[in-house]
Structure formats: structure tokens, C-alpha cells
Amino acid sequence: ESCNENEFQCFGGGCVKDDYVCDQKPDCSDGSDESADACIDMICNKEGYFKCDGSCVPNDWFCDGELDCDDGADE
């Protein structure tokens, strides 16, 4: 099953609205909409964020002379 543009693909199958991802209430039957990976992706995909390896930081922190990503990718 494929999800619509504004939907999240639950890891175990099915779809939920993007608005329900990382809202501290599991909506997927397997709870995958509240997983760390889903939350990082949801936050990092918002405008104004840079995705690191396993986290994300505000774009303002990119190339600011300080290592904010664990892997240093922001510098």
C-alpha cells in the first residue's frame, strides 16, 4: 500500500496523516509514527532544519563554527 503525499507510511503497513506523526500518541498499529526515526525525519523535513546522522539541527547552526551534529556534518 502506498500513502498519499501528506501521509506517513507505518512500518507495519497502513498510513496516517503527517500531522499525527510524532504527536506523542501512537496512531499506527505498531506505534511506528512515534519512533525516533519517524520523529527525526518529520522534524528534519521541515523548512529551517539540517539533517545530521541520527538527529537534526536548526539551519542557523549550520557552518557556525561549532560542532552540533555528532558526526560534525553541520561544519
C-alpha atoms as a PDB file:
ATOM      1  CA  GLU A   1       0.000   0.000   0.000  1.00  0.00           C
ATOM      2  CA  SER A   2       1.336   3.417  -0.859  1.00  0.00           C
ATOM      3  CA  CYS A   3       0.384   6.511   1.075  1.00  0.00           C
ATOM      4  CA  ASN A   4      -0.727   9.876  -0.224  1.00  0.00           C
ATOM      5  CA  GLU A   5       1.647  12.836  -0.277  1.00  0.00           C
ATOM      6  CA  ASN A   6       0.588  14.128   3.153  1.00  0.00           C
ATOM      7  CA  GLU A   7       0.612  10.731   4.847  1.00  0.00           C
ATOM      8  CA  PHE A   8       3.166   8.682   6.765  1.00  0.00           C
ATOM      9  CA  GLN A   9       3.767   5.039   5.825  1.00  0.00           C
ATOM     10  CA  CYS A  10       3.543   2.983   9.015  1.00  0.00           C
ATOM     11  CA  PHE A  11       6.372   0.455   9.224  1.00  0.00           C
ATOM     12  CA  GLY A  12       3.881  -2.394   9.677  1.00  0.00           C
ATOM     13  CA  GLY A  13       1.611  -1.200   6.870  1.00  0.00           C
ATOM     14  CA  GLY A  14      -1.109   1.393   6.655  1.00  0.00           C
ATOM     15  CA  CYS A  15      -1.000   5.161   6.539  1.00  0.00           C
ATOM     16  CA  VAL A  16      -1.675   8.026   8.935  1.00  0.00           C
ATOM     17  CA  LYS A  17      -1.777  11.768   8.326  1.00  0.00           C
ATOM     18  CA  ASP A  18       1.584  13.522   8.633  1.00  0.00           C
ATOM     19  CA  ASP A  19       0.034  15.701  11.350  1.00  0.00           C
ATOM     20  CA  TYR A  20      -0.245  12.606  13.558  1.00  0.00           C
ATOM     21  CA  VAL A  21       3.465  11.732  13.351  1.00  0.00           C
ATOM     22  CA  CYS A  22       5.458  12.487  16.487  1.00  0.00           C
ATOM     23  CA  ASP A  23       2.442  13.881  18.377  1.00  0.00           C
ATOM     24  CA  GLN A  24       3.061  11.664  21.441  1.00  0.00           C
ATOM     25  CA  LYS A  25       0.067   9.458  20.583  1.00  0.00           C
ATOM     26  CA  PRO A  26       0.625   6.250  18.583  1.00  0.00           C
ATOM     27  CA  ASP A  27      -1.688   6.139  15.579  1.00  0.00           C
ATOM     28  CA  CYS A  28      -0.044   3.305  13.632  1.00  0.00           C
ATOM     29  CA  SER A  29      -0.935  -0.144  14.964  1.00  0.00           C
ATOM     30  CA  ASP A  30       2.791  -0.767  15.522  1.00  0.00           C
ATOM     31  CA  GLY A  31       3.449   2.689  17.012  1.00  0.00           C
ATOM     32  CA  SER A  32       5.958   3.497  14.275  1.00  0.00           C
ATOM     33  CA  ASP A  33       4.587   7.031  13.888  1.00  0.00           C
ATOM     34  CA  GLU A  34       6.142   7.779  17.295  1.00  0.00           C
ATOM     35  CA  SER A  35       9.512   6.110  16.644  1.00  0.00           C
ATOM     36  CA  ALA A  36      12.742   8.102  16.905  1.00  0.00           C
ATOM     37  CA  ASP A  37      13.372   7.667  13.169  1.00  0.00           C
ATOM     38  CA  ALA A  38       9.928   8.965  12.234  1.00  0.00           C
ATOM     39  CA  CYS A  39      10.233  11.949  14.561  1.00  0.00           C
ATOM     40  CA  ILE A  40      13.698  12.880  13.315  1.00  0.00           C
ATOM     41  CA  ASP A  41      12.521  12.666   9.707  1.00  0.00           C
ATOM     42  CA  MET A  42       9.413  14.727  10.440  1.00  0.00           C
ATOM     43  CA  ILE A  43      11.363  17.481  12.217  1.00  0.00           C
ATOM     44  CA  CYS A  44      14.236  17.488   9.740  1.00  0.00           C
ATOM     45  CA  ASN A  45      11.935  17.672   6.737  1.00  0.00           C
ATOM     46  CA  LYS A  46      10.521  20.957   7.996  1.00  0.00           C
ATOM     47  CA  GLU A  47      11.962  24.077   6.446  1.00  0.00           C
ATOM     48  CA  GLY A  48      14.752  25.549   8.509  1.00  0.00           C
ATOM     49  CA  TYR A  49      16.381  22.293   9.680  1.00  0.00           C
ATOM     50  CA  PHE A  50      19.500  20.388   8.635  1.00  0.00           C
ATOM     51  CA  LYS A  51      19.551  16.593   8.964  1.00  0.00           C
ATOM     52  CA  CYS A  52      22.568  15.108  10.718  1.00  0.00           C
ATOM     53  CA  ASP A  53      23.315  11.434  11.165  1.00  0.00           C
ATOM     54  CA  GLY A  54      20.638  10.472  13.710  1.00  0.00           C
ATOM     55  CA  SER A  55      19.412  13.963  14.599  1.00  0.00           C
ATOM     56  CA  CYS A  56      18.729  17.378  13.131  1.00  0.00           C
ATOM     57  CA  VAL A  57      19.671  20.930  13.977  1.00  0.00           C
ATOM     58  CA  PRO A  58      18.331  24.358  13.014  1.00  0.00           C
ATOM     59  CA  ASN A  59      19.826  25.767   9.815  1.00  0.00           C
ATOM     60  CA  ASP A  60      21.192  28.667  11.865  1.00  0.00           C
ATOM     61  CA  TRP A  61      23.626  26.196  13.446  1.00  0.00           C
ATOM     62  CA  PHE A  62      24.980  25.126  10.035  1.00  0.00           C
ATOM     63  CA  CYS A  63      28.547  26.382   9.457  1.00  0.00           C
ATOM     64  CA  ASP A  64      28.519  28.462  12.653  1.00  0.00           C
ATOM     65  CA  GLY A  65      31.939  27.248  13.827  1.00  0.00           C
ATOM     66  CA  GLU A  66      30.505  24.843  16.423  1.00  0.00           C
ATOM     67  CA  LEU A  67      30.039  21.093  16.065  1.00  0.00           C
ATOM     68  CA  ASP A  68      26.361  20.436  16.704  1.00  0.00           C
ATOM     69  CA  CYS A  69      25.953  17.146  14.821  1.00  0.00           C
ATOM     70  CA  ASP A  70      27.619  14.095  16.364  1.00  0.00           C
ATOM     71  CA  ASP A  71      29.397  13.451  13.070  1.00  0.00           C
ATOM     72  CA  GLY A  72      30.335  17.122  12.503  1.00  0.00           C
ATOM     73  CA  ALA A  73      28.264  17.275   9.311  1.00  0.00           C
ATOM     74  CA  ASP A  74      26.990  20.751  10.159  1.00  0.00           C
ATOM     75  CA  GLU A  75      30.503  22.160   9.775  1.00  0.00           C
END
